[in-house]
Amino acid sequence: MSRDEGADDMTFALDERAFATPRVLCKDLGDEAILLDFETETYFGLNAAGTRLFSLLTTAPTIRQAFDVMLEEYDVDPDELERDMSALIDDLVRRGLLRIGHA
């Protein structure tokens, strides 16, 4: 997940932190959630795992700590989790729903 590890499509490092952008509202709907972008008036749906990840990313001190918690909570291969997390984080950043910075 780190550009330091040589992955071409990664735009963040594990020691960085994720922040919800101010224009986004996260509305929990049971196990799922919707991210509403007030600026573009679009929404993005998250399944249960995506909702948990978004919650961890926006509260954990680093992306690495969010990764570690997801690894503990879900029965998933670390490489698969890394790919899935990276894809979701990159997608949310591209859509302006999440930003990455230093912890």
N, C-alpha and C. Protein backbone atom coordinates (compact mmCIF):
# COMPACT_ATOMS: atom_id res chain seq x y z
N MET A 1 0.81 -1.19 0.00
CA MET A 1 0.00 0.00 0.00
C MET A 1 0.85 1.26 0.00
N SER A 2 2.09 1.09 -0.02
CA SER A 2 2.96 2.25 0.09
C SER A 2 3.69 2.51 -1.22
N ARG A 3 3.74 3.79 -1.57
CA ARG A 3 4.53 4.13 -2.75
C ARG A 3 5.99 3.78 -2.51
N ASP A 4 6.39 3.67 -1.24
CA ASP A 4 7.75 3.28 -0.91
C ASP A 4 8.02 1.83 -1.27
N GLU A 5 6.97 1.03 -1.41
CA GLU A 5 7.12 -0.38 -1.74
C GLU A 5 7.14 -0.60 -3.25
N GLY A 6 7.04 0.46 -4.04
CA GLY A 6 7.19 0.37 -5.47
C GLY A 6 5.91 0.09 -6.24
N ALA A 7 4.77 0.12 -5.60
CA ALA A 7 3.53 -0.12 -6.33
C ALA A 7 3.18 1.13 -7.13
N ASP A 8 2.96 0.96 -8.42
CA ASP A 8 2.73 2.10 -9.29
C ASP A 8 1.41 2.82 -9.04
N ASP A 9 0.38 2.07 -8.63
CA ASP A 9 -0.93 2.69 -8.51
C ASP A 9 -1.25 3.20 -7.11
N MET A 10 -0.35 3.05 -6.17
CA MET A 10 -0.61 3.49 -4.81
C MET A 10 -0.29 4.98 -4.69
N THR A 11 -1.16 5.67 -3.99
CA THR A 11 -0.97 7.11 -3.85
C THR A 11 -0.79 7.51 -2.40
N PHE A 12 -0.50 6.54 -1.53
CA PHE A 12 -0.37 6.83 -0.11
C PHE A 12 0.60 5.84 0.52
N ALA A 13 1.04 6.19 1.73
CA ALA A 13 1.92 5.31 2.50
C ALA A 13 1.19 4.88 3.76
N LEU A 14 1.59 3.75 4.30
CA LEU A 14 0.92 3.21 5.49
C LEU A 14 1.05 4.09 6.72
N ASP A 15 2.09 4.93 6.77
CA ASP A 15 2.26 5.79 7.95
C ASP A 15 1.47 7.09 7.83
N GLU A 16 0.75 7.26 6.74
CA GLU A 16 -0.09 8.44 6.57
C GLU A 16 -1.45 8.19 7.20
N ARG A 17 -2.22 9.24 7.28
CA ARG A 17 -3.56 9.15 7.87
C ARG A 17 -4.59 9.57 6.83
N ALA A 18 -5.78 9.02 6.95
CA ALA A 18 -6.88 9.37 6.05
C ALA A 18 -7.86 10.27 6.79
N PHE A 19 -8.40 11.24 6.07
CA PHE A 19 -9.37 12.18 6.63
C PHE A 19 -10.56 12.29 5.68
N ALA A 20 -11.76 12.28 6.23
CA ALA A 20 -12.93 12.57 5.41
C ALA A 20 -12.86 14.05 5.04
N THR A 21 -13.18 14.37 3.81
CA THR A 21 -13.16 15.78 3.42
C THR A 21 -14.36 16.49 4.05
N PRO A 22 -14.25 17.79 4.31
CA PRO A 22 -15.32 18.53 4.98
C PRO A 22 -16.65 18.52 4.23
N ARG A 23 -16.61 18.31 2.94
CA ARG A 23 -17.85 18.37 2.16
C ARG A 23 -18.61 17.05 2.15
N VAL A 24 -18.14 16.06 2.93
CA VAL A 24 -18.73 14.72 2.91
C VAL A 24 -19.45 14.41 4.21
N LEU A 25 -20.63 13.85 4.07
CA LEU A 25 -21.41 13.36 5.20
C LEU A 25 -21.48 11.84 5.08
N CYS A 26 -21.19 11.14 6.17
CA CYS A 26 -21.31 9.69 6.20
C CYS A 26 -22.57 9.35 6.97
N LYS A 27 -23.50 8.67 6.31
CA LYS A 27 -24.77 8.28 6.92
C LYS A 27 -24.79 6.76 7.07
N ASP A 28 -24.79 6.29 8.32
CA ASP A 28 -24.86 4.85 8.57
C ASP A 28 -26.27 4.34 8.33
N LEU A 29 -26.33 3.19 7.66
CA LEU A 29 -27.60 2.53 7.38
C LEU A 29 -27.48 1.08 7.84
N GLY A 30 -27.43 0.87 9.14
CA GLY A 30 -27.21 -0.47 9.66
C GLY A 30 -25.76 -0.85 9.47
N ASP A 31 -25.51 -1.94 8.75
CA ASP A 31 -24.14 -2.38 8.49
C ASP A 31 -23.51 -1.66 7.32
N GLU A 32 -24.29 -0.93 6.56
CA GLU A 32 -23.79 -0.24 5.38
C GLU A 32 -23.82 1.27 5.62
N ALA A 33 -23.26 2.01 4.68
CA ALA A 33 -23.24 3.47 4.81
C ALA A 33 -23.28 4.11 3.43
N ILE A 34 -23.67 5.36 3.43
CA ILE A 34 -23.65 6.18 2.22
C ILE A 34 -22.80 7.41 2.53
N LEU A 35 -21.89 7.71 1.62
CA LEU A 35 -21.11 8.95 1.71
C LEU A 35 -21.75 9.94 0.75
N LEU A 36 -22.18 11.05 1.27
CA LEU A 36 -22.82 12.08 0.46
C LEU A 36 -21.88 13.26 0.30
N ASP A 37 -21.62 13.61 -0.94
CA ASP A 37 -20.76 14.74 -1.27
C ASP A 37 -21.66 15.95 -1.51
N PHE A 38 -21.63 16.91 -0.57
CA PHE A 38 -22.50 18.09 -0.67
C PHE A 38 -22.16 18.96 -1.87
N GLU A 39 -20.90 18.98 -2.27
CA GLU A 39 -20.49 19.84 -3.37
C GLU A 39 -21.01 19.34 -4.71
N THR A 40 -20.90 18.04 -4.96
CA THR A 40 -21.32 17.49 -6.24
C THR A 40 -22.71 16.87 -6.21
N GLU A 41 -23.27 16.77 -5.00
CA GLU A 41 -24.59 16.16 -4.79
C GLU A 41 -24.63 14.73 -5.30
N THR A 42 -23.54 14.02 -5.12
CA THR A 42 -23.49 12.61 -5.47
C THR A 42 -23.27 11.80 -4.20
N TYR A 43 -23.60 10.53 -4.29
CA TYR A 43 -23.37 9.67 -3.14
C TYR A 43 -22.62 8.42 -3.56
N PHE A 44 -21.99 7.80 -2.57
CA PHE A 44 -21.18 6.61 -2.77
C PHE A 44 -21.56 5.62 -1.70
N GLY A 45 -22.01 4.43 -2.09
CA GLY A 45 -22.43 3.41 -1.14
C GLY A 45 -21.29 2.51 -0.70
N LEU A 46 -21.30 2.16 0.57
CA LEU A 46 -20.30 1.25 1.12
C LEU A 46 -21.00 0.03 1.72
N ASN A 47 -20.46 -1.16 1.44
CA ASN A 47 -20.98 -2.36 2.09
C ASN A 47 -20.46 -2.41 3.53
N ALA A 48 -20.75 -3.48 4.24
CA ALA A 48 -20.37 -3.58 5.66
C ALA A 48 -18.86 -3.45 5.86
N ALA A 49 -18.07 -4.15 5.06
CA ALA A 49 -16.61 -4.08 5.20
C ALA A 49 -16.09 -2.69 4.83
N GLY A 50 -16.65 -2.09 3.79
CA GLY A 50 -16.26 -0.74 3.39
C GLY A 50 -16.61 0.29 4.44
N THR A 51 -17.77 0.11 5.08
CA THR A 51 -18.19 1.01 6.15
C THR A 51 -17.24 0.92 7.33
N ARG A 52 -16.88 -0.31 7.70
CA ARG A 52 -15.93 -0.50 8.81
C ARG A 52 -14.58 0.11 8.46
N LEU A 53 -14.12 -0.10 7.25
CA LEU A 53 -12.84 0.46 6.83
C LEU A 53 -12.88 1.98 6.86
N PHE A 54 -13.94 2.59 6.33
CA PHE A 54 -14.04 4.05 6.32
C PHE A 54 -14.00 4.58 7.75
N SER A 55 -14.72 3.92 8.65
CA SER A 55 -14.72 4.33 10.05
C SER A 55 -13.32 4.24 10.65
N LEU A 56 -12.64 3.14 10.40
CA LEU A 56 -11.27 2.99 10.92
C LEU A 56 -10.31 3.99 10.30
N LEU A 57 -10.40 4.17 9.00
CA LEU A 57 -9.49 5.10 8.33
C LEU A 57 -9.62 6.52 8.87
N THR A 58 -10.83 6.93 9.18
CA THR A 58 -11.05 8.31 9.61
C THR A 58 -10.90 8.50 11.11
N THR A 59 -10.59 7.42 11.84
CA THR A 59 -10.37 7.55 13.28
C THR A 59 -9.01 7.03 13.73
N ALA A 60 -8.42 6.12 12.98
CA ALA A 60 -7.13 5.55 13.37
C ALA A 60 -6.01 6.56 13.12
N PRO A 61 -4.97 6.50 13.93
CA PRO A 61 -3.84 7.41 13.74
C PRO A 61 -3.11 7.23 12.41
N THR A 62 -3.13 6.01 11.85
CA THR A 62 -2.47 5.76 10.58
C THR A 62 -3.27 4.73 9.77
N ILE A 63 -2.99 4.71 8.48
CA ILE A 63 -3.61 3.70 7.61
C ILE A 63 -3.15 2.31 8.03
N ARG A 64 -1.91 2.18 8.45
CA ARG A 64 -1.39 0.89 8.91
C ARG A 64 -2.22 0.35 10.07
N GLN A 65 -2.57 1.21 11.01
CA GLN A 65 -3.37 0.75 12.16
C GLN A 65 -4.76 0.31 11.72
N ALA A 66 -5.34 1.01 10.76
CA ALA A 66 -6.64 0.59 10.22
C ALA A 66 -6.50 -0.77 9.55
N PHE A 67 -5.43 -0.95 8.78
CA PHE A 67 -5.15 -2.23 8.13
C PHE A 67 -5.04 -3.35 9.16
N ASP A 68 -4.29 -3.11 10.23
CA ASP A 68 -4.10 -4.13 11.26
C ASP A 68 -5.41 -4.53 11.92
N VAL A 69 -6.27 -3.56 12.20
CA VAL A 69 -7.57 -3.87 12.82
C VAL A 69 -8.44 -4.67 11.85
N MET A 70 -8.47 -4.27 10.58
CA MET A 70 -9.25 -5.02 9.59
C MET A 70 -8.74 -6.45 9.49
N LEU A 71 -7.44 -6.63 9.55
CA LEU A 71 -6.84 -7.96 9.46
C LEU A 71 -7.26 -8.82 10.66
N GLU A 72 -7.36 -8.21 11.83
CA GLU A 72 -7.80 -8.93 13.02
C GLU A 72 -9.28 -9.28 12.96
N GLU A 73 -10.09 -8.37 12.43
CA GLU A 73 -11.55 -8.53 12.47
C GLU A 73 -12.11 -9.39 11.35
N TYR A 74 -11.40 -9.48 10.23
CA TYR A 74 -11.92 -10.20 9.06
C TYR A 74 -11.02 -11.38 8.73
N ASP A 75 -11.61 -12.47 8.33
CA ASP A 75 -10.89 -13.64 7.90
C ASP A 75 -10.50 -13.44 6.44
N VAL A 76 -9.35 -12.79 6.24
CA VAL A 76 -8.93 -12.41 4.90
C VAL A 76 -7.41 -12.53 4.80
N ASP A 77 -6.95 -12.88 3.62
CA ASP A 77 -5.52 -12.93 3.34
C ASP A 77 -4.96 -11.50 3.37
N PRO A 78 -3.81 -11.28 4.01
CA PRO A 78 -3.25 -9.92 4.06
C PRO A 78 -3.05 -9.27 2.70
N ASP A 79 -2.62 -10.04 1.71
CA ASP A 79 -2.42 -9.47 0.37
C ASP A 79 -3.74 -9.04 -0.26
N GLU A 80 -4.78 -9.85 -0.05
CA GLU A 80 -6.10 -9.51 -0.58
C GLU A 80 -6.65 -8.26 0.11
N LEU A 81 -6.47 -8.18 1.43
CA LEU A 81 -6.92 -7.00 2.17
C LEU A 81 -6.18 -5.76 1.68
N GLU A 82 -4.89 -5.89 1.47
CA GLU A 82 -4.09 -4.76 0.99
C GLU A 82 -4.60 -4.26 -0.36
N ARG A 83 -4.87 -5.20 -1.28
CA ARG A 83 -5.38 -4.82 -2.61
C ARG A 83 -6.75 -4.14 -2.49
N ASP A 84 -7.64 -4.73 -1.71
CA ASP A 84 -8.99 -4.18 -1.57
C ASP A 84 -8.98 -2.81 -0.89
N MET A 85 -8.18 -2.69 0.19
CA MET A 85 -8.08 -1.40 0.87
C MET A 85 -7.52 -0.34 -0.05
N SER A 86 -6.46 -0.69 -0.76
CA SER A 86 -5.82 0.26 -1.67
C SER A 86 -6.79 0.73 -2.75
N ALA A 87 -7.54 -0.21 -3.31
CA ALA A 87 -8.50 0.15 -4.36
C ALA A 87 -9.57 1.09 -3.81
N LEU A 88 -10.10 0.79 -2.63
CA LEU A 88 -11.15 1.65 -2.07
C LEU A 88 -10.60 3.02 -1.70
N ILE A 89 -9.45 3.05 -1.05
CA ILE A 89 -8.85 4.33 -0.67
C ILE A 89 -8.58 5.18 -1.91
N ASP A 90 -7.97 4.58 -2.92
CA ASP A 90 -7.67 5.33 -4.15
C ASP A 90 -8.95 5.85 -4.80
N ASP A 91 -10.00 5.04 -4.81
CA ASP A 91 -11.28 5.45 -5.40
C ASP A 91 -11.88 6.61 -4.61
N LEU A 92 -11.88 6.52 -3.29
CA LEU A 92 -12.45 7.59 -2.47
C LEU A 92 -11.65 8.88 -2.60
N VAL A 93 -10.34 8.77 -2.70
CA VAL A 93 -9.50 9.97 -2.89
C VAL A 93 -9.80 10.60 -4.25
N ARG A 94 -9.88 9.78 -5.30
CA ARG A 94 -10.18 10.30 -6.65
C ARG A 94 -11.53 11.02 -6.68
N ARG A 95 -12.48 10.53 -5.92
CA ARG A 95 -13.81 11.13 -5.89
C ARG A 95 -13.90 12.34 -4.96
N GLY A 96 -12.83 12.63 -4.23
CA GLY A 96 -12.82 13.76 -3.31
C GLY A 96 -13.52 13.49 -2.00
N LEU A 97 -13.73 12.24 -1.66
CA LEU A 97 -14.44 11.87 -0.43
C LEU A 97 -13.48 11.62 0.73
N LEU A 98 -12.21 11.46 0.42
CA LEU A 98 -11.19 11.16 1.41
C LEU A 98 -9.92 11.87 0.99
N ARG A 99 -9.15 12.32 1.96
CA ARG A 99 -7.85 12.88 1.63
C ARG A 99 -6.80 12.21 2.53
N ILE A 100 -5.59 12.18 2.06
CA ILE A 100 -4.50 11.51 2.77
C ILE A 100 -3.49 12.56 3.22
N GLY A 101 -3.02 12.42 4.46
CA GLY A 101 -2.02 13.34 4.99
C GLY A 101 -1.17 12.61 6.00
N HIS A 102 -0.25 13.32 6.61
CA HIS A 102 0.62 12.70 7.61
C HIS A 102 -0.04 12.73 8.96
N ALA A 103 0.19 11.66 9.70
CA ALA A 103 -0.41 11.52 11.04
C ALA A 103 0.22 12.50 12.01
